[in-house]
C-alpha atoms as a PDB file:
ATOM      1  CA  MET A   1     -56.058 105.908-160.747  1.00  0.00           C
ATOM      2  CA  SER A   2     -59.420 104.312-159.775  1.00  0.00           C
ATOM      3  CA  ASP A   3     -61.156 105.073-156.552  1.00  0.00           C
ATOM      4  CA  ALA A   4     -60.373 101.588-155.291  1.00  0.00           C
ATOM      5  CA  ASP A   5     -56.737 102.078-156.298  1.00  0.00           C
ATOM      6  CA  ALA A   6     -56.580 105.276-154.500  1.00  0.00           C
ATOM      7  CA  GLN A   7     -57.917 103.781-151.311  1.00  0.00           C
ATOM      8  CA  LYS A   8     -55.446 100.818-151.464  1.00  0.00           C
ATOM      9  CA  ARG A   9     -52.512 103.260-151.775  1.00  0.00           C
ATOM     10  CA  ALA A  10     -53.767 105.371-148.857  1.00  0.00           C
ATOM     11  CA  ALA A  11     -54.155 102.359-146.951  1.00  0.00           C
ATOM     12  CA  GLY A  12     -50.805 101.142-147.826  1.00  0.00           C
ATOM     13  CA  GLU A  13     -49.091 104.478-147.001  1.00  0.00           C
ATOM     14  CA  ALA A  14     -51.002 104.458-143.641  1.00  0.00           C
ATOM     15  CA  ALA A  15     -49.554 101.039-142.673  1.00  0.00           C
ATOM     16  CA  ALA A  16     -46.029 102.235-143.869  1.00  0.00           C
ATOM     17  CA  ALA A  17     -46.238 104.993-141.433  1.00  0.00           C
ATOM     18  CA  LEU A  18     -46.514 102.414-138.690  1.00  0.00           C
ATOM     19  CA  VAL A  19     -42.942 100.958-139.415  1.00  0.00           C
ATOM     20  CA  GLU A  20     -40.218 101.811-137.347  1.00  0.00           C
ATOM     21  CA  ALA A  21     -36.473 101.707-137.427  1.00  0.00           C
ATOM     22  CA  GLY A  22     -34.836  98.302-136.747  1.00  0.00           C
ATOM     23  CA  MET A  23     -38.101  96.261-137.457  1.00  0.00           C
ATOM     24  CA  VAL A  24     -38.338  93.007-139.329  1.00  0.00           C
ATOM     25  CA  VAL A  25     -41.120  93.549-141.478  1.00  0.00           C
ATOM     26  CA  GLY A  26     -43.187  90.935-143.334  1.00  0.00           C
ATOM     27  CA  LEU A  27     -44.260  91.699-146.901  1.00  0.00           C
ATOM     28  CA  GLY A  28     -47.731  90.652-147.960  1.00  0.00           C
ATOM     29  CA  THR A  29     -48.510  89.735-151.712  1.00  0.00           C
ATOM     30  CA  GLY A  30     -51.076  91.258-154.206  1.00  0.00           C
ATOM     31  CA  SER A  31     -52.075  94.802-155.384  1.00  0.00           C
ATOM     32  CA  THR A  32     -52.858  96.172-152.387  1.00  0.00           C
ATOM     33  CA  ALA A  33     -49.658  94.934-150.234  1.00  0.00           C
ATOM     34  CA  ASN A  34     -47.893  96.459-153.191  1.00  0.00           C
ATOM     35  CA  TRP A  35     -48.771  99.738-152.188  1.00  0.00           C
ATOM     36  CA  PHE A  36     -47.352  99.240-148.811  1.00  0.00           C
ATOM     37  CA  VAL A  37     -43.957  97.968-150.233  1.00  0.00           C
ATOM     38  CA  LYS A  38     -43.891 100.829-152.580  1.00  0.00           C
ATOM     39  CA  ALA A  39     -44.263 103.305-149.706  1.00  0.00           C
ATOM     40  CA  LEU A  40     -41.409 101.952-147.562  1.00  0.00           C
ATOM     41  CA  PRO A  41     -38.327 103.369-149.267  1.00  0.00           C
ATOM     42  CA  ALA A  42     -39.476 106.710-148.699  1.00  0.00           C
ATOM     43  CA  ARG A  43     -39.480 106.198-144.832  1.00  0.00           C
ATOM     44  CA  GLY A  44     -35.622 105.977-145.081  1.00  0.00           C
ATOM     45  CA  LEU A  45     -35.567 103.308-142.202  1.00  0.00           C
ATOM     46  CA  ASP A  46     -33.123 100.767-141.565  1.00  0.00           C
ATOM     47  CA  ILE A  47     -35.332  97.683-141.824  1.00  0.00           C
ATOM     48  CA  THR A  48     -35.245  94.090-142.753  1.00  0.00           C
ATOM     49  CA  CYS A  49     -38.232  92.525-144.740  1.00  0.00           C
ATOM     50  CA  VAL A  50     -39.347  89.022-145.184  1.00  0.00           C
ATOM     51  CA  SER A  51     -41.466  88.207-148.463  1.00  0.00           C
ATOM     52  CA  THR A  52     -44.412  86.250-148.810  1.00  0.00           C
ATOM     53  CA  SER A  53     -43.876  85.518-152.403  1.00  0.00           C
ATOM     54  CA  VAL A  54     -41.443  85.506-155.117  1.00  0.00           C
ATOM     55  CA  ALA A  55     -43.238  88.500-156.906  1.00  0.00           C
ATOM     56  CA  THR A  56     -43.026  90.522-153.755  1.00  0.00           C
ATOM     57  CA  ALA A  57     -39.510  89.890-153.136  1.00  0.00           C
ATOM     58  CA  ASP A  58     -38.770  90.977-156.544  1.00  0.00           C
ATOM     59  CA  LEU A  59     -40.385  94.135-156.117  1.00  0.00           C
ATOM     60  CA  ALA A  60     -38.815  94.780-152.894  1.00  0.00           C
ATOM     61  CA  ARG A  61     -35.261  94.253-154.453  1.00  0.00           C
ATOM     62  CA  ASP A  62     -36.121  96.696-157.308  1.00  0.00           C
ATOM     63  CA  LEU A  63     -36.853  99.114-154.438  1.00  0.00           C
ATOM     64  CA  GLY A  64     -33.758  98.533-152.729  1.00  0.00           C
ATOM     65  CA  LEU A  65     -35.267  96.920-149.610  1.00  0.00           C
ATOM     66  CA  LYS A  66     -33.321  94.637-147.510  1.00  0.00           C
ATOM     67  CA  LEU A  67     -34.451  91.085-147.565  1.00  0.00           C
ATOM     68  CA  THR A  68     -33.937  87.952-145.491  1.00  0.00           C
ATOM     69  CA  ASP A  69     -35.728  84.449-145.505  1.00  0.00           C
ATOM     70  CA  LEU A  70     -38.225  83.371-142.905  1.00  0.00           C
ATOM     71  CA  GLY A  71     -36.216  80.717-141.434  1.00  0.00           C
ATOM     72  CA  GLU A  72     -33.243  83.251-140.676  1.00  0.00           C
ATOM     73  CA  VAL A  73     -35.239  85.166-138.245  1.00  0.00           C
ATOM     74  CA  ARG A  74     -36.744  84.478-134.935  1.00  0.00           C
ATOM     75  CA  GLU A  75     -39.731  86.851-135.129  1.00  0.00           C
ATOM     76  CA  ILE A  76     -41.257  89.435-137.274  1.00  0.00           C
ATOM     77  CA  ASP A  77     -42.063  92.520-135.706  1.00  0.00           C
ATOM     78  CA  MET A  78     -45.043  93.520-138.079  1.00  0.00           C
ATOM     79  CA  THR A  79     -46.547  92.020-141.262  1.00  0.00           C
ATOM     80  CA  VAL A  80     -48.625  94.166-143.694  1.00  0.00           C
ATOM     81  CA  ASP A  81     -50.855  92.404-146.132  1.00  0.00           C
ATOM     82  CA  GLY A  82     -54.049  92.932-148.080  1.00  0.00           C
ATOM     83  CA  ALA A  83     -57.203  90.883-147.758  1.00  0.00           C
ATOM     84  CA  ASP A  84     -60.027  89.794-150.229  1.00  0.00           C
ATOM     85  CA  GLU A  85     -62.528  89.846-147.684  1.00  0.00           C
ATOM     86  CA  ILE A  86     -62.742  91.542-144.173  1.00  0.00           C
ATOM     87  CA  GLY A  87     -65.400  89.962-141.909  1.00  0.00           C
ATOM     88  CA  PRO A  88     -66.498  90.345-138.213  1.00  0.00           C
ATOM     89  CA  GLY A  89     -63.853  90.303-135.731  1.00  0.00           C
ATOM     90  CA  LEU A  90     -61.018  90.752-138.695  1.00  0.00           C
ATOM     91  CA  SER A  91     -61.749  87.385-139.916  1.00  0.00           C
ATOM     92  CA  LEU A  92     -60.301  87.301-143.443  1.00  0.00           C
ATOM     93  CA  ILE A  93     -60.264  85.455-146.645  1.00  0.00           C
ATOM     94  CA  LYS A  94     -56.876  85.614-148.544  1.00  0.00           C
ATOM     95  CA  GLY A  95     -55.313  83.902-151.166  1.00  0.00           C
ATOM     96  CA  ALA A  96     -56.413  85.314-154.573  1.00  0.00           C
ATOM     97  CA  GLY A  97     -52.768  86.050-155.304  1.00  0.00           C
ATOM     98  CA  GLY A  98     -51.916  82.454-154.800  1.00  0.00           C
ATOM     99  CA  ALA A  99     -49.701  82.979-151.716  1.00  0.00           C
ATOM    100  CA  LEU A 100     -51.737  81.966-148.863  1.00  0.00           C
ATOM    101  CA  LEU A 101     -49.332  79.283-147.495  1.00  0.00           C
ATOM    102  CA  ARG A 102     -46.450  81.465-147.344  1.00  0.00           C
ATOM    103  CA  GLU A 103     -48.649  84.542-146.139  1.00  0.00           C
ATOM    104  CA  LYS A 104     -49.916  82.363-143.213  1.00  0.00           C
ATOM    105  CA  LEU A 105     -46.413  81.108-142.241  1.00  0.00           C
ATOM    106  CA  VAL A 106     -45.348  84.910-142.066  1.00  0.00           C
ATOM    107  CA  TRP A 107     -48.391  85.961-140.239  1.00  0.00           C
ATOM    108  CA  GLU A 108     -48.006  83.323-137.686  1.00  0.00           C
ATOM    109  CA  ALA A 109     -44.342  84.253-137.004  1.00  0.00           C
ATOM    110  CA  SER A 110     -45.304  87.932-136.514  1.00  0.00           C
ATOM    111  CA  ARG A 111     -45.892  89.818-133.397  1.00  0.00           C
ATOM    112  CA  ARG A 112     -48.227  92.208-134.913  1.00  0.00           C
ATOM    113  CA  CYS A 113     -50.356  91.638-138.305  1.00  0.00           C
ATOM    114  CA  VAL A 114     -52.012  94.572-139.997  1.00  0.00           C
ATOM    115  CA  THR A 115     -54.315  93.821-142.973  1.00  0.00           C
ATOM    116  CA  ILE A 116     -54.931  96.787-145.668  1.00  0.00           C
ATOM    117  CA  ALA A 117     -57.721  96.890-148.176  1.00  0.00           C
ATOM    118  CA  ASP A 118     -60.069  99.193-150.137  1.00  0.00           C
ATOM    119  CA  ALA A 119     -63.569  99.559-148.773  1.00  0.00           C
ATOM    120  CA  SER A 120     -65.207  97.100-150.810  1.00  0.00           C
ATOM    121  CA  LYS A 121     -63.467  94.377-149.095  1.00  0.00           C
ATOM    122  CA  ARG A 122     -65.534  94.781-145.672  1.00  0.00           C
ATOM    123  CA  VAL A 123     -68.390  92.339-145.567  1.00  0.00           C
ATOM    124  CA  PRO A 124     -70.914  91.372-142.850  1.00  0.00           C
ATOM    125  CA  VAL A 125     -70.360  87.539-143.571  1.00  0.00           C
ATOM    126  CA  LEU A 126     -67.317  85.940-145.249  1.00  0.00           C
ATOM    127  CA  GLY A 127     -68.034  83.855-148.371  1.00  0.00           C
ATOM    128  CA  GLN A 128     -68.846  85.999-151.440  1.00  0.00           C
ATOM    129  CA  PHE A 129     -65.338  86.080-152.611  1.00  0.00           C
ATOM    130  CA  PRO A 130     -64.137  82.402-153.372  1.00  0.00           C
ATOM    131  CA  LEU A 131     -62.065  80.641-150.448  1.00  0.00           C
ATOM    132  CA  PRO A 132     -58.854  79.446-152.084  1.00  0.00           C
ATOM    133  CA  VAL A 133     -57.321  76.020-150.694  1.00  0.00           C
ATOM    134  CA  GLU A 134     -53.939  75.100-151.461  1.00  0.00           C
ATOM    135  CA  VAL A 135     -53.423  71.530-152.329  1.00  0.00           C
ATOM    136  CA  VAL A 136     -50.411  69.150-152.957  1.00  0.00           C
ATOM    137  CA  ALA A 137     -50.469  68.492-156.693  1.00  0.00           C
ATOM    138  CA  PHE A 138     -50.138  64.823-156.483  1.00  0.00           C
ATOM    139  CA  GLY A 139     -53.599  63.221-156.676  1.00  0.00           C
ATOM    140  CA  HIS A 140     -55.129  66.754-156.217  1.00  0.00           C
ATOM    141  CA  GLN A 141     -58.211  65.475-158.269  1.00  0.00           C
ATOM    142  CA  THR A 142     -59.015  62.689-155.360  1.00  0.00           C
ATOM    143  CA  THR A 143     -58.306  65.437-152.778  1.00  0.00           C
ATOM    144  CA  ALA A 144     -60.767  67.664-154.233  1.00  0.00           C
ATOM    145  CA  LEU A 145     -63.400  64.715-153.577  1.00  0.00           C
ATOM    146  CA  ARG A 146     -62.549  64.611-150.022  1.00  0.00           C
ATOM    147  CA  ILE A 147     -62.719  68.404-149.838  1.00  0.00           C
ATOM    148  CA  CYS A 148     -66.461  68.169-151.166  1.00  0.00           C
ATOM    149  CA  ASP A 149     -67.083  65.788-148.172  1.00  0.00           C
ATOM    150  CA  ALA A 150     -65.677  68.384-145.803  1.00  0.00           C
ATOM    151  CA  LEU A 151     -67.658  71.095-147.201  1.00  0.00           C
ATOM    152  CA  MET A 152     -70.837  68.932-146.936  1.00  0.00           C
ATOM    153  CA  GLU A 153     -70.216  68.459-143.290  1.00  0.00           C
ATOM    154  CA  CYS A 154     -70.237  72.378-142.780  1.00  0.00           C
ATOM    155  CA  ASP A 155     -73.538  72.567-144.936  1.00  0.00           C
ATOM    156  CA  ILE A 156     -71.969  74.197-148.056  1.00  0.00           C
ATOM    157  CA  GLY A 157     -72.827  72.764-151.105  1.00  0.00           C
ATOM    158  CA  ALA A 158     -70.363  74.539-153.610  1.00  0.00           C
ATOM    159  CA  ALA A 159     -67.944  72.273-155.548  1.00  0.00           C
ATOM    160  CA  PRO A 160     -63.983  73.113-155.312  1.00  0.00           C
ATOM    161  CA  ARG A 161     -62.988  74.587-158.886  1.00  0.00           C
ATOM    162  CA  LEU A 162     -59.237  73.981-160.039  1.00  0.00           C
ATOM    163  CA  ARG A 163     -57.552  77.298-160.621  1.00  0.00           C
ATOM    164  CA  VAL A 164     -56.257  77.414-164.129  1.00  0.00           C
ATOM    165  CA  ARG A 165     -53.785  79.896-165.691  1.00  0.00           C
ATOM    166  CA  ASP A 166     -53.095  79.877-169.552  1.00  0.00           C
ATOM    167  CA  GLY A 167     -54.886  76.698-170.038  1.00  0.00           C
ATOM    168  CA  SER A 168     -52.907  74.907-167.061  1.00  0.00           C
ATOM    169  CA  PRO A 169     -53.300  74.441-163.568  1.00  0.00           C
ATOM    170  CA  TYR A 170     -51.972  77.365-161.435  1.00  0.00           C
ATOM    171  CA  ARG A 171     -49.065  76.303-159.602  1.00  0.00           C
ATOM    172  CA  THR A 172     -47.835  78.301-156.358  1.00  0.00           C
ATOM    173  CA  ASP A 173     -44.305  79.250-155.456  1.00  0.00           C
ATOM    174  CA  SER A 174     -44.301  76.099-153.335  1.00  0.00           C
ATOM    175  CA  GLY A 175     -45.364  73.905-156.383  1.00  0.00           C
ATOM    176  CA  ASN A 176     -48.887  73.189-155.175  1.00  0.00           C
ATOM    177  CA  VAL A 177     -52.144  73.764-156.883  1.00  0.00           C
ATOM    178  CA  ILE A 178     -55.205  75.891-155.798  1.00  0.00           C
ATOM    179  CA  TYR A 179     -58.815  74.901-155.495  1.00  0.00           C
ATOM    180  CA  ASP A 180     -61.260  78.119-155.300  1.00  0.00           C
ATOM    181  CA  ILE A 181     -64.550  77.361-153.409  1.00  0.00           C
ATOM    182  CA  ALA A 182     -67.444  79.903-153.933  1.00  0.00           C
ATOM    183  CA  CYS A 183     -69.133  79.023-150.568  1.00  0.00           C
ATOM    184  CA  GLY A 184     -71.659  81.904-150.648  1.00  0.00           C
ATOM    185  CA  ARG A 185     -71.797  82.238-147.046  1.00  0.00           C
ATOM    186  CA  ILE A 186     -69.567  80.983-144.425  1.00  0.00           C
ATOM    187  CA  GLU A 187     -71.504  81.007-141.084  1.00  0.00           C
ATOM    188  CA  ASP A 188     -68.909  79.345-139.101  1.00  0.00           C
ATOM    189  CA  PRO A 189     -65.322  79.915-140.311  1.00  0.00           C
ATOM    190  CA  ALA A 190     -63.538  78.294-137.599  1.00  0.00           C
ATOM    191  CA  ALA A 191     -65.595  75.043-138.358  1.00  0.00           C
ATOM    192  CA  LEU A 192     -64.984  75.183-141.970  1.00  0.00           C
ATOM    193  CA  GLY A 193     -61.206  75.887-141.518  1.00  0.00           C
ATOM    194  CA  ALA A 194     -60.728  72.950-139.136  1.00  0.00           C
ATOM    195  CA  ALA A 195     -62.628  70.435-141.679  1.00  0.00           C
ATOM    196  CA  LEU A 196     -60.469  71.626-144.739  1.00  0.00           C
ATOM    197  CA  LYS A 197     -57.334  71.224-142.553  1.00  0.00           C
ATOM    198  CA  SER A 198     -58.384  67.588-141.479  1.00  0.00           C
ATOM    199  CA  VAL A 199     -58.280  66.774-145.250  1.00  0.00           C
ATOM    200  CA  THR A 200     -54.987  64.471-146.402  1.00  0.00           C
ATOM    201  CA  GLY A 201     -53.428  66.633-149.294  1.00  0.00           C
ATOM    202  CA  VAL A 202     -54.621  70.066-148.194  1.00  0.00           C
ATOM    203  CA  VAL A 203     -51.928  72.061-147.274  1.00  0.00           C
ATOM    204  CA  GLU A 204     -53.457  75.543-146.171  1.00  0.00           C
ATOM    205  CA  HIS A 205     -56.698  77.226-146.731  1.00  0.00           C
ATOM    206  CA  GLY A 206     -57.521  81.172-147.266  1.00  0.00           C
ATOM    207  CA  LEU A 207     -59.387  81.607-144.040  1.00  0.00           C
ATOM    208  CA  PHE A 208     -57.170  83.805-141.905  1.00  0.00           C
ATOM    209  CA  LEU A 209     -58.899  83.711-138.202  1.00  0.00           C
ATOM    210  CA  ASP A 210     -57.542  85.487-135.028  1.00  0.00           C
ATOM    211  CA  LEU A 211     -54.609  86.637-136.936  1.00  0.00           C
ATOM    212  CA  ALA A 212     -55.081  90.345-137.849  1.00  0.00           C
ATOM    213  CA  ASP A 213     -54.374  92.749-134.963  1.00  0.00           C
ATOM    214  CA  LEU A 214     -55.546  95.722-137.129  1.00  0.00           C
ATOM    215  CA  ALA A 215     -57.430  96.665-140.388  1.00  0.00           C
ATOM    216  CA  LEU A 216     -56.536  99.992-142.292  1.00  0.00           C
ATOM    217  CA  VAL A 217     -59.378 100.479-144.613  1.00  0.00           C
ATOM    218  CA  GLY A 218     -59.120 103.103-147.313  1.00  0.00           C
ATOM    219  CA  THR A 219     -62.518 104.924-147.836  1.00  0.00           C
ATOM    220  CA  PRO A 220     -63.565 107.890-149.776  1.00  0.00           C
ATOM    221  CA  ASP A 221     -63.326 110.021-146.599  1.00  0.00           C
ATOM    222  CA  GLY A 222     -59.967 108.472-145.566  1.00  0.00           C
ATOM    223  CA  VAL A 223     -58.347 105.660-143.805  1.00  0.00           C
ATOM    224  CA  VAL A 224     -60.513 104.048-141.474  1.00  0.00           C
ATOM    225  CA  SER A 225     -58.684 101.773-138.358  1.00  0.00           C
ATOM    226  CA  LEU A 226     -60.588  98.593-137.275  1.00  0.00           C
ATOM    227  CA  GLU A 227     -59.735  96.376-134.444  1.00  0.00           C
ATOM    228  CA  PRO A 228     -60.847  92.724-133.692  1.00  0.00           C
END
């Protein structure tokens, strides 16, 4: 196991230790979130889980976890998910796994949101990791042009790049496509998020702002807790 995977596993297991009997728990998507999901059965707790993706739901079922749909619960007690970048104030970039829309829906329905990551994910300024933007597939090329205009308004000169897998546009679980933006530096994440959401055809972006209540970061010296 690589050092990064060991740190992800440690963070995932630390998050699993926060889960209590009777909770409704949101399950994130991606390699780090998977460590959290895998650690839950060992707790032996009666919990109900809400998944943010088909892939995570399949893993949870294989592990014997009880699942329900987001629409069937009034509130989620705690969601645990990974992050592609963790910036100041626990501002995040998420979406490498393509589940950013469903992740944000689950996060916003949660009383507490915990992000888990290895040490490499902590950054002083967001933007080195490409920012995913989920877009309606119909006419997505013209939407991408309007995204360029929104980026220019925020003094970001990067161009959106369509995410492709196996020679075809990547499709999310909701049937949308994703454009990734290599911003470099995002000086004002809130302004950029607002500009992107104002573009017709944009479904959601990967900036998770003012949502994380706690970060558990695996490091060579153990798991570090961070708060906003």
